[in-house]
Amino acid sequence: ETSEDFQVRREKALKLSWERCWKKMVFRDLPGYPLWESQLHDVLQPRFAELQSIFVHYCGNSIQGTESISNATKLGLMETLVLARDTALCTRHLNEDELSRHFAIANNQSMIANSGSSERHHKPAGGAQTGKANKPKWYDPIAEAIAKRANKETPPQDMQLNLFEFINFLVRVAF
């Protein structure tokens, strides 16, 4: 394999990684969205390789002692604060508490993006009222909802940023 072939494969992989990250980012809660979305894309895309390198560098600080490669390729709050100190990101207007808040918001954006309207969970597909006729007269929908909520396990907050969440975090800090 020549160095040119390697470079072409690397650029294709980088482009694919960028496209995956961009699709997962959520900015609709930021002021002025979507007016600036295409400009943001055009600014971030050529710098994606550098952003990815920064992300990997700070993930490298947490590789020792992790139980899986998945955890070693995420950026925790402590590593994010180290990045902020290294880059003098913290100022009197943007302190560590504000950075922690932006971290939490960026971490939750993927969950928000994957969730939809709560209405879709209550309406059967096609608008048909299936299942109501099968319920006994003593059926109590409130009791059923309480029982489902009690039995439902909520996934723990991961408190770590993936690459797309990291870029989302940087955009939020910039705003």
N, C-alpha and C. Protein backbone atom coordinates (compact mmCIF):
# COMPACT_ATOMS: atom_id res chain seq x y z
N GLU A 1 0.84 -1.18 0.00
CA GLU A 1 0.00 0.00 0.00
C GLU A 1 0.89 1.25 0.00
N THR A 2 0.56 2.16 -0.86
CA THR A 2 1.33 3.40 -0.94
C THR A 2 0.81 4.42 0.05
N SER A 3 1.60 5.44 0.27
CA SER A 3 1.18 6.49 1.19
C SER A 3 -0.03 7.26 0.65
N GLU A 4 -0.14 7.33 -0.68
CA GLU A 4 -1.31 7.99 -1.28
C GLU A 4 -2.58 7.20 -1.00
N ASP A 5 -2.52 5.88 -1.11
CA ASP A 5 -3.67 5.03 -0.81
C ASP A 5 -4.09 5.18 0.65
N PHE A 6 -3.08 5.20 1.50
CA PHE A 6 -3.36 5.37 2.92
C PHE A 6 -4.03 6.71 3.18
N GLN A 7 -3.55 7.75 2.55
CA GLN A 7 -4.11 9.09 2.74
C GLN A 7 -5.56 9.15 2.24
N VAL A 8 -5.84 8.51 1.12
CA VAL A 8 -7.20 8.48 0.57
C VAL A 8 -8.14 7.75 1.53
N ARG A 9 -7.69 6.60 2.03
CA ARG A 9 -8.52 5.84 2.99
C ARG A 9 -8.75 6.64 4.26
N ARG A 10 -7.71 7.33 4.72
CA ARG A 10 -7.81 8.14 5.93
C ARG A 10 -8.81 9.27 5.74
N GLU A 11 -8.76 9.94 4.59
CA GLU A 11 -9.69 11.04 4.31
C GLU A 11 -11.13 10.55 4.21
N LYS A 12 -11.33 9.38 3.61
CA LYS A 12 -12.68 8.80 3.53
C LYS A 12 -13.20 8.46 4.92
N ALA A 13 -12.35 7.87 5.74
CA ALA A 13 -12.76 7.52 7.11
C ALA A 13 -13.05 8.77 7.92
N LEU A 14 -12.26 9.80 7.75
CA LEU A 14 -12.48 11.06 8.45
C LEU A 14 -13.78 11.70 8.02
N LYS A 15 -14.05 11.68 6.73
CA LYS A 15 -15.31 12.24 6.21
C LYS A 15 -16.51 11.48 6.75
N LEU A 16 -16.42 10.16 6.77
CA LEU A 16 -17.51 9.35 7.29
C LEU A 16 -17.73 9.62 8.78
N SER A 17 -16.65 9.73 9.52
CA SER A 17 -16.74 10.03 10.95
C SER A 17 -17.38 11.40 11.17
N TRP A 18 -16.99 12.38 10.37
CA TRP A 18 -17.57 13.72 10.48
C TRP A 18 -19.08 13.67 10.21
N GLU A 19 -19.47 12.98 9.15
CA GLU A 19 -20.90 12.91 8.80
C GLU A 19 -21.71 12.26 9.92
N ARG A 20 -21.17 11.22 10.53
CA ARG A 20 -21.86 10.57 11.65
C ARG A 20 -21.99 11.52 12.84
N CYS A 21 -20.91 12.21 13.15
CA CYS A 21 -20.94 13.16 14.27
C CYS A 21 -21.93 14.29 14.01
N TRP A 22 -21.89 14.85 12.82
CA TRP A 22 -22.75 15.99 12.51
C TRP A 22 -24.22 15.61 12.62
N LYS A 23 -24.59 14.42 12.18
CA LYS A 23 -25.98 13.98 12.24
C LYS A 23 -26.48 13.85 13.67
N LYS A 24 -25.58 13.55 14.60
CA LYS A 24 -25.97 13.33 15.99
C LYS A 24 -26.02 14.61 16.82
N MET A 25 -25.43 15.69 16.33
CA MET A 25 -25.37 16.92 17.10
C MET A 25 -26.73 17.61 17.11
N VAL A 26 -27.07 18.19 18.25
CA VAL A 26 -28.34 18.87 18.43
C VAL A 26 -28.07 20.29 18.89
N PHE A 27 -28.57 21.27 18.13
CA PHE A 27 -28.35 22.67 18.46
C PHE A 27 -29.65 23.47 18.52
N ARG A 28 -30.79 22.82 18.36
CA ARG A 28 -32.04 23.56 18.22
C ARG A 28 -32.40 24.41 19.42
N ASP A 29 -31.77 24.19 20.56
CA ASP A 29 -32.08 25.01 21.73
C ASP A 29 -31.19 26.25 21.83
N LEU A 30 -30.25 26.43 20.90
CA LEU A 30 -29.37 27.59 20.92
C LEU A 30 -30.01 28.76 20.17
N PRO A 31 -29.69 29.99 20.58
CA PRO A 31 -30.30 31.17 19.96
C PRO A 31 -30.01 31.25 18.46
N GLY A 32 -31.03 31.57 17.70
CA GLY A 32 -30.87 31.78 16.27
C GLY A 32 -30.88 30.54 15.41
N TYR A 33 -30.99 29.37 16.02
CA TYR A 33 -31.02 28.14 15.24
C TYR A 33 -32.26 28.16 14.36
N PRO A 34 -32.24 27.77 13.17
CA PRO A 34 -31.24 27.14 12.32
C PRO A 34 -30.52 28.11 11.37
N LEU A 35 -30.64 29.40 11.62
CA LEU A 35 -30.08 30.40 10.70
C LEU A 35 -28.58 30.22 10.48
N TRP A 36 -27.85 29.79 11.48
CA TRP A 36 -26.40 29.70 11.40
C TRP A 36 -25.89 28.26 11.25
N GLU A 37 -26.78 27.30 11.15
CA GLU A 37 -26.38 25.89 11.14
C GLU A 37 -25.45 25.55 9.98
N SER A 38 -25.73 26.01 8.79
CA SER A 38 -24.87 25.67 7.65
C SER A 38 -23.50 26.33 7.77
N GLN A 39 -23.46 27.56 8.33
CA GLN A 39 -22.17 28.21 8.54
C GLN A 39 -21.35 27.47 9.59
N LEU A 40 -22.01 26.99 10.64
CA LEU A 40 -21.32 26.21 11.67
C LEU A 40 -20.73 24.94 11.05
N HIS A 41 -21.50 24.28 10.24
CA HIS A 41 -21.03 23.08 9.55
C HIS A 41 -19.77 23.40 8.74
N ASP A 42 -19.83 24.51 7.99
CA ASP A 42 -18.70 24.88 7.13
C ASP A 42 -17.46 25.28 7.92
N VAL A 43 -17.64 25.76 9.14
CA VAL A 43 -16.50 26.11 9.98
C VAL A 43 -15.90 24.87 10.64
N LEU A 44 -16.75 23.97 11.11
CA LEU A 44 -16.28 22.80 11.84
C LEU A 44 -15.69 21.70 10.95
N GLN A 45 -16.28 21.49 9.79
CA GLN A 45 -15.87 20.36 8.95
C GLN A 45 -14.38 20.36 8.62
N PRO A 46 -13.79 21.46 8.16
CA PRO A 46 -12.35 21.40 7.84
C PRO A 46 -11.46 21.27 9.07
N ARG A 47 -12.02 21.53 10.24
CA ARG A 47 -11.24 21.45 11.48
C ARG A 47 -11.54 20.18 12.28
N PHE A 48 -12.32 19.30 11.69
CA PHE A 48 -12.73 18.09 12.39
C PHE A 48 -11.54 17.22 12.80
N ALA A 49 -10.56 17.08 11.93
CA ALA A 49 -9.39 16.24 12.25
C ALA A 49 -8.67 16.78 13.49
N GLU A 50 -8.53 18.10 13.58
CA GLU A 50 -7.87 18.70 14.75
C GLU A 50 -8.71 18.52 16.00
N LEU A 51 -10.03 18.73 15.87
CA LEU A 51 -10.92 18.54 17.02
C LEU A 51 -10.87 17.09 17.50
N GLN A 52 -10.84 16.16 16.56
CA GLN A 52 -10.75 14.75 16.91
C GLN A 52 -9.42 14.45 17.61
N SER A 53 -8.34 15.04 17.15
CA SER A 53 -7.03 14.84 17.79
C SER A 53 -7.02 15.38 19.22
N ILE A 54 -7.62 16.53 19.43
CA ILE A 54 -7.72 17.10 20.78
C ILE A 54 -8.53 16.18 21.67
N PHE A 55 -9.64 15.71 21.15
CA PHE A 55 -10.51 14.79 21.90
C PHE A 55 -9.75 13.53 22.30
N VAL A 56 -9.05 12.93 21.34
CA VAL A 56 -8.29 11.69 21.61
C VAL A 56 -7.18 11.95 22.62
N HIS A 57 -6.52 13.09 22.51
CA HIS A 57 -5.45 13.42 23.46
C HIS A 57 -5.99 13.47 24.89
N TYR A 58 -7.10 14.14 25.09
CA TYR A 58 -7.63 14.25 26.45
C TYR A 58 -8.31 12.97 26.91
N CYS A 59 -8.79 12.16 25.98
CA CYS A 59 -9.28 10.82 26.36
C CYS A 59 -8.11 9.97 26.85
N GLY A 60 -6.94 10.16 26.26
CA GLY A 60 -5.74 9.41 26.63
C GLY A 60 -5.37 9.58 28.09
N ASN A 61 -5.78 10.70 28.67
CA ASN A 61 -5.52 10.91 30.09
C ASN A 61 -6.32 9.96 30.98
N SER A 62 -7.40 9.39 30.42
CA SER A 62 -8.25 8.54 31.25
C SER A 62 -8.20 7.07 30.87
N ILE A 63 -7.30 6.67 30.00
CA ILE A 63 -7.26 5.28 29.55
C ILE A 63 -6.85 4.33 30.67
N GLN A 64 -5.88 4.73 31.48
CA GLN A 64 -5.45 3.84 32.56
C GLN A 64 -6.58 3.64 33.56
N GLY A 65 -6.80 2.41 33.89
CA GLY A 65 -7.80 2.08 34.91
C GLY A 65 -9.21 1.95 34.39
N THR A 66 -9.43 2.03 33.09
CA THR A 66 -10.78 1.86 32.57
C THR A 66 -11.05 0.39 32.30
N GLU A 67 -12.32 0.01 32.46
CA GLU A 67 -12.65 -1.40 32.29
C GLU A 67 -12.95 -1.78 30.85
N SER A 68 -13.17 -0.78 29.96
CA SER A 68 -13.45 -1.11 28.57
C SER A 68 -12.92 -0.03 27.65
N ILE A 69 -12.76 -0.38 26.39
CA ILE A 69 -12.31 0.59 25.39
C ILE A 69 -13.38 1.65 25.20
N SER A 70 -14.63 1.30 25.39
CA SER A 70 -15.72 2.27 25.26
C SER A 70 -15.54 3.42 26.25
N ASN A 71 -15.20 3.09 27.48
CA ASN A 71 -14.98 4.14 28.48
C ASN A 71 -13.71 4.93 28.20
N ALA A 72 -12.72 4.30 27.59
CA ALA A 72 -11.46 4.96 27.31
C ALA A 72 -11.56 5.92 26.13
N THR A 73 -12.63 5.83 25.35
CA THR A 73 -12.81 6.72 24.21
C THR A 73 -13.91 7.74 24.46
N LYS A 74 -14.08 8.08 25.70
CA LYS A 74 -15.03 9.13 26.10
C LYS A 74 -14.30 10.10 27.02
N LEU A 75 -14.79 11.30 27.04
CA LEU A 75 -14.17 12.35 27.82
C LEU A 75 -15.02 12.65 29.04
N GLY A 76 -14.44 12.47 30.21
CA GLY A 76 -15.15 12.74 31.44
C GLY A 76 -15.08 14.21 31.83
N LEU A 77 -15.81 14.57 32.85
CA LEU A 77 -15.85 15.95 33.31
C LEU A 77 -14.48 16.42 33.77
N MET A 78 -13.75 15.56 34.47
CA MET A 78 -12.43 15.96 34.96
C MET A 78 -11.47 16.25 33.79
N GLU A 79 -11.50 15.41 32.76
CA GLU A 79 -10.65 15.64 31.59
C GLU A 79 -11.06 16.92 30.87
N THR A 80 -12.35 17.19 30.84
CA THR A 80 -12.85 18.42 30.22
C THR A 80 -12.36 19.64 30.98
N LEU A 81 -12.36 19.56 32.29
CA LEU A 81 -11.86 20.68 33.10
C LEU A 81 -10.35 20.85 32.94
N VAL A 82 -9.63 19.74 32.77
CA VAL A 82 -8.19 19.83 32.48
C VAL A 82 -7.97 20.54 31.15
N LEU A 83 -8.75 20.18 30.15
CA LEU A 83 -8.69 20.85 28.85
C LEU A 83 -8.95 22.35 29.02
N ALA A 84 -9.94 22.70 29.81
CA ALA A 84 -10.27 24.11 30.04
C ALA A 84 -9.10 24.84 30.71
N ARG A 85 -8.45 24.19 31.65
CA ARG A 85 -7.29 24.81 32.32
C ARG A 85 -6.11 24.94 31.36
N ASP A 86 -5.88 23.90 30.56
CA ASP A 86 -4.76 23.92 29.61
C ASP A 86 -4.92 25.01 28.55
N THR A 87 -6.14 25.31 28.18
CA THR A 87 -6.40 26.29 27.13
C THR A 87 -6.82 27.64 27.67
N ALA A 88 -6.81 27.81 28.98
CA ALA A 88 -7.23 29.06 29.62
C ALA A 88 -8.66 29.43 29.20
N LEU A 89 -9.50 28.42 29.07
CA LEU A 89 -10.88 28.62 28.67
C LEU A 89 -11.70 29.29 29.78
N CYS A 90 -11.35 28.99 31.00
CA CYS A 90 -12.07 29.57 32.13
C CYS A 90 -11.66 31.03 32.32
N THR A 91 -12.65 31.86 32.47
CA THR A 91 -12.45 33.28 32.74
C THR A 91 -13.37 33.66 33.88
N ARG A 92 -13.40 34.93 34.22
CA ARG A 92 -14.32 35.33 35.29
C ARG A 92 -15.77 35.28 34.80
N HIS A 93 -15.97 35.30 33.47
CA HIS A 93 -17.32 35.20 32.91
C HIS A 93 -17.73 33.76 32.63
N LEU A 94 -16.75 32.89 32.46
CA LEU A 94 -17.03 31.48 32.17
C LEU A 94 -16.19 30.64 33.13
N ASN A 95 -16.79 30.30 34.26
CA ASN A 95 -16.05 29.55 35.29
C ASN A 95 -16.30 28.05 35.15
N GLU A 96 -15.71 27.27 36.04
CA GLU A 96 -15.83 25.81 35.98
C GLU A 96 -17.26 25.34 36.19
N ASP A 97 -18.04 26.06 36.97
CA ASP A 97 -19.45 25.69 37.16
C ASP A 97 -20.22 25.83 35.85
N GLU A 98 -19.96 26.91 35.12
CA GLU A 98 -20.61 27.10 33.82
C GLU A 98 -20.17 26.01 32.84
N LEU A 99 -18.89 25.69 32.84
CA LEU A 99 -18.40 24.62 31.96
C LEU A 99 -19.05 23.29 32.32
N SER A 100 -19.21 23.02 33.61
CA SER A 100 -19.86 21.78 34.04
C SER A 100 -21.31 21.75 33.58
N ARG A 101 -21.97 22.90 33.60
CA ARG A 101 -23.37 22.97 33.13
C ARG A 101 -23.42 22.68 31.63
N HIS A 102 -22.52 23.30 30.85
CA HIS A 102 -22.48 23.04 29.41
C HIS A 102 -22.13 21.58 29.12
N PHE A 103 -21.26 21.01 29.94
CA PHE A 103 -20.91 19.59 29.81
C PHE A 103 -22.16 18.73 29.97
N ALA A 104 -22.94 19.00 31.01
CA ALA A 104 -24.15 18.21 31.27
C ALA A 104 -25.17 18.36 30.15
N ILE A 105 -25.31 19.57 29.63
CA ILE A 105 -26.26 19.80 28.54
C ILE A 105 -25.81 19.04 27.29
N ALA A 106 -24.53 19.15 26.94
CA ALA A 106 -24.01 18.44 25.76
C ALA A 106 -24.14 16.94 25.93
N ASN A 107 -23.97 16.46 27.15
CA ASN A 107 -24.07 15.03 27.43
C ASN A 107 -25.51 14.53 27.27
N ASN A 108 -26.48 15.38 27.55
CA ASN A 108 -27.88 14.99 27.46
C ASN A 108 -28.48 15.19 26.08
N GLN A 109 -27.81 15.89 25.19
CA GLN A 109 -28.39 16.20 23.88
C GLN A 109 -28.70 14.96 23.07
N SER A 110 -27.85 13.94 23.12
CA SER A 110 -28.12 12.74 22.33
C SER A 110 -29.37 12.04 22.84
N MET A 111 -29.58 12.07 24.16
CA MET A 111 -30.78 11.47 24.73
C MET A 111 -32.01 12.26 24.30
N ILE A 112 -31.90 13.58 24.28
CA ILE A 112 -33.02 14.42 23.86
C ILE A 112 -33.33 14.19 22.39
N ALA A 113 -32.29 14.09 21.57
CA ALA A 113 -32.48 13.87 20.14
C ALA A 113 -33.15 12.53 19.86
N ASN A 114 -32.81 11.52 20.64
CA ASN A 114 -33.38 10.19 20.42
C ASN A 114 -34.80 10.07 20.95
N SER A 115 -35.17 10.93 21.87
CA SER A 115 -36.53 10.89 22.38
C SER A 115 -37.40 11.69 21.45
N GLY A 116 -38.63 11.33 21.38
CA GLY A 116 -39.56 12.08 20.54
C GLY A 116 -40.67 12.60 21.39
N SER A 117 -41.72 12.92 20.75
CA SER A 117 -42.89 13.39 21.47
C SER A 117 -43.41 12.28 22.37
N SER A 118 -43.81 12.63 23.56
CA SER A 118 -44.36 11.62 24.45
C SER A 118 -45.69 11.11 23.91
N GLU A 119 -46.32 11.89 23.06
CA GLU A 119 -47.59 11.49 22.47
C GLU A 119 -47.46 10.20 21.65
N ARG A 120 -46.32 10.01 20.99
CA ARG A 120 -46.18 8.84 20.13
C ARG A 120 -46.22 7.55 20.92
N HIS A 121 -45.94 7.62 22.22
CA HIS A 121 -45.98 6.42 23.05
C HIS A 121 -47.40 6.06 23.47
N HIS A 122 -48.31 6.99 23.33
CA HIS A 122 -49.69 6.77 23.77
C HIS A 122 -50.64 6.42 22.64
N LYS A 123 -50.28 6.77 21.41
CA LYS A 123 -51.15 6.52 20.27
C LYS A 123 -50.69 5.28 19.52
N PRO A 124 -51.59 4.35 19.25
CA PRO A 124 -51.20 3.19 18.45
C PRO A 124 -50.93 3.61 17.01
N ALA A 125 -50.11 2.85 16.32
CA ALA A 125 -49.78 3.14 14.93
C ALA A 125 -51.02 3.10 14.07
N GLY A 126 -51.13 4.04 13.16
CA GLY A 126 -52.28 4.07 12.26
C GLY A 126 -53.51 4.69 12.87
N GLY A 127 -53.44 5.16 14.09
CA GLY A 127 -54.56 5.83 14.72
C GLY A 127 -55.62 4.88 15.25
N ALA A 128 -55.46 3.60 15.07
CA ALA A 128 -56.46 2.63 15.54
C ALA A 128 -56.39 2.51 17.05
N GLN A 129 -57.51 2.22 17.65
CA GLN A 129 -57.56 2.08 19.10
C GLN A 129 -57.49 0.61 19.46
N THR A 130 -56.32 0.05 19.32
CA THR A 130 -56.14 -1.37 19.59
C THR A 130 -55.91 -1.59 21.07
N GLY A 131 -56.35 -2.69 21.56
CA GLY A 131 -56.05 -3.09 22.93
C GLY A 131 -57.07 -2.63 23.96
N LYS A 132 -57.84 -1.58 23.69
CA LYS A 132 -58.81 -1.10 24.67
C LYS A 132 -59.91 -2.12 24.91
N ALA A 133 -60.34 -2.74 23.85
CA ALA A 133 -61.42 -3.70 23.98
C ALA A 133 -60.97 -4.94 24.76
N ASN A 134 -59.71 -5.23 24.80
CA ASN A 134 -59.20 -6.40 25.49
C ASN A 134 -59.02 -6.17 27.00
N LYS A 135 -59.14 -4.95 27.47
CA LYS A 135 -58.93 -4.65 28.88
C LYS A 135 -60.18 -4.99 29.67
N PRO A 136 -60.04 -5.57 30.86
CA PRO A 136 -61.20 -5.86 31.69
C PRO A 136 -61.83 -4.57 32.23
N LYS A 137 -63.09 -4.68 32.72
CA LYS A 137 -63.79 -3.51 33.24
C LYS A 137 -63.06 -2.88 34.40
N TRP A 138 -62.38 -3.67 35.20
CA TRP A 138 -61.69 -3.15 36.38
C TRP A 138 -60.34 -2.54 36.05
N TYR A 139 -60.00 -2.47 34.77
CA TYR A 139 -58.71 -1.95 34.33
C TYR A 139 -58.54 -0.50 34.79
N ASP A 140 -57.40 -0.25 35.42
CA ASP A 140 -57.07 1.10 35.91
C ASP A 140 -55.81 1.58 35.20
N PRO A 141 -55.94 2.49 34.23
CA PRO A 141 -54.77 2.94 33.47
C PRO A 141 -53.74 3.67 34.34
N ILE A 142 -54.18 4.36 35.37
CA ILE A 142 -53.26 5.08 36.25
C ILE A 142 -52.41 4.09 37.04
N ALA A 143 -53.05 3.06 37.58
CA ALA A 143 -52.32 2.04 38.32
C ALA A 143 -51.31 1.33 37.41
N GLU A 144 -51.72 1.07 36.17
CA GLU A 144 -50.80 0.43 35.24
C GLU A 144 -49.60 1.32 34.94
N ALA A 145 -49.84 2.61 34.76
CA ALA A 145 -48.74 3.55 34.48
C ALA A 145 -47.79 3.62 35.66
N ILE A 146 -48.32 3.63 36.88
CA ILE A 146 -47.47 3.67 38.08
C ILE A 146 -46.65 2.39 38.18
N ALA A 147 -47.26 1.26 37.90
CA ALA A 147 -46.54 -0.01 37.96
C ALA A 147 -45.45 -0.08 36.89
N LYS A 148 -45.75 0.40 35.68
CA LYS A 148 -44.74 0.41 34.62
C LYS A 148 -43.57 1.30 35.01
N ARG A 149 -43.87 2.47 35.56
CA ARG A 149 -42.81 3.40 35.95
C ARG A 149 -41.95 2.80 37.06
N ALA A 150 -42.56 2.10 37.99
CA ALA A 150 -41.81 1.48 39.09
C ALA A 150 -40.91 0.36 38.58
N ASN A 151 -41.40 -0.39 37.58
CA ASN A 151 -40.63 -1.52 37.05
C ASN A 151 -39.58 -1.10 36.03
N LYS A 152 -39.77 0.08 35.47
CA LYS A 152 -38.85 0.53 34.42
C LYS A 152 -37.53 0.97 35.04
N GLU A 153 -36.46 0.40 34.50
CA GLU A 153 -35.13 0.79 34.97
C GLU A 153 -34.67 1.99 34.17
N THR A 154 -34.23 3.04 34.84
CA THR A 154 -33.69 4.19 34.14
C THR A 154 -32.19 3.99 33.99
N PRO A 155 -31.69 4.16 32.77
CA PRO A 155 -30.25 3.98 32.56
C PRO A 155 -29.47 5.05 33.31
N PRO A 156 -28.34 4.69 33.88
CA PRO A 156 -27.55 5.68 34.60
C PRO A 156 -26.96 6.71 33.64
N GLN A 157 -26.85 7.94 34.13
CA GLN A 157 -26.21 9.00 33.36
C GLN A 157 -24.74 8.64 33.17
N ASP A 158 -24.25 8.69 31.96
CA ASP A 158 -22.88 8.24 31.73
C ASP A 158 -21.83 9.28 32.12
N MET A 159 -22.18 10.55 32.16
CA MET A 159 -21.28 11.63 32.54
C MET A 159 -19.96 11.58 31.79
N GLN A 160 -20.03 11.18 30.55
CA GLN A 160 -18.87 11.17 29.66
C GLN A 160 -19.33 11.62 28.28
N LEU A 161 -18.46 12.32 27.59
CA LEU A 161 -18.79 12.83 26.27
C LEU A 161 -18.17 11.96 25.18
N ASN A 162 -18.99 11.61 24.19
CA ASN A 162 -18.49 11.01 22.97
C ASN A 162 -17.92 12.14 22.12
N LEU A 163 -17.36 11.81 20.98
CA LEU A 163 -16.77 12.83 20.12
C LEU A 163 -17.81 13.87 19.70
N PHE A 164 -18.99 13.44 19.25
CA PHE A 164 -19.98 14.40 18.80
C PHE A 164 -20.49 15.25 19.96
N GLU A 165 -20.57 14.68 21.16
CA GLU A 165 -20.98 15.46 22.33
C GLU A 165 -19.90 16.47 22.71
N PHE A 166 -18.64 16.10 22.53
CA PHE A 166 -17.53 17.00 22.81
C PHE A 166 -17.60 18.21 21.89
N ILE A 167 -17.83 17.99 20.60
CA ILE A 167 -17.93 19.11 19.66
C ILE A 167 -19.16 19.95 20.00
N ASN A 168 -20.24 19.29 20.36
CA ASN A 168 -21.46 19.99 20.80
C ASN A 168 -21.14 20.87 22.01
N PHE A 169 -20.37 20.34 22.94
CA PHE A 169 -19.94 21.09 24.13
C PHE A 169 -19.16 22.34 23.73
N LEU A 170 -18.21 22.20 22.81
CA LEU A 170 -17.41 23.34 22.36
C LEU A 170 -18.27 24.43 21.73
N VAL A 171 -19.25 24.00 20.92
CA VAL A 171 -20.15 24.97 20.30
C VAL A 171 -20.95 25.70 21.36
N ARG A 172 -21.44 24.99 22.35
CA ARG A 172 -22.21 25.62 23.43
C ARG A 172 -21.38 26.61 24.23
N VAL A 173 -20.14 26.25 24.50
CA VAL A 173 -19.26 27.17 25.22
C VAL A 173 -19.02 28.41 24.38
N ALA A 174 -18.87 28.24 23.07
CA ALA A 174 -18.64 29.38 22.19
C ALA A 174 -19.84 30.33 22.19
N PHE A 175 -21.05 29.81 22.34
CA PHE A 175 -22.23 30.67 22.39
C PHE A 175 -22.26 31.42 23.70
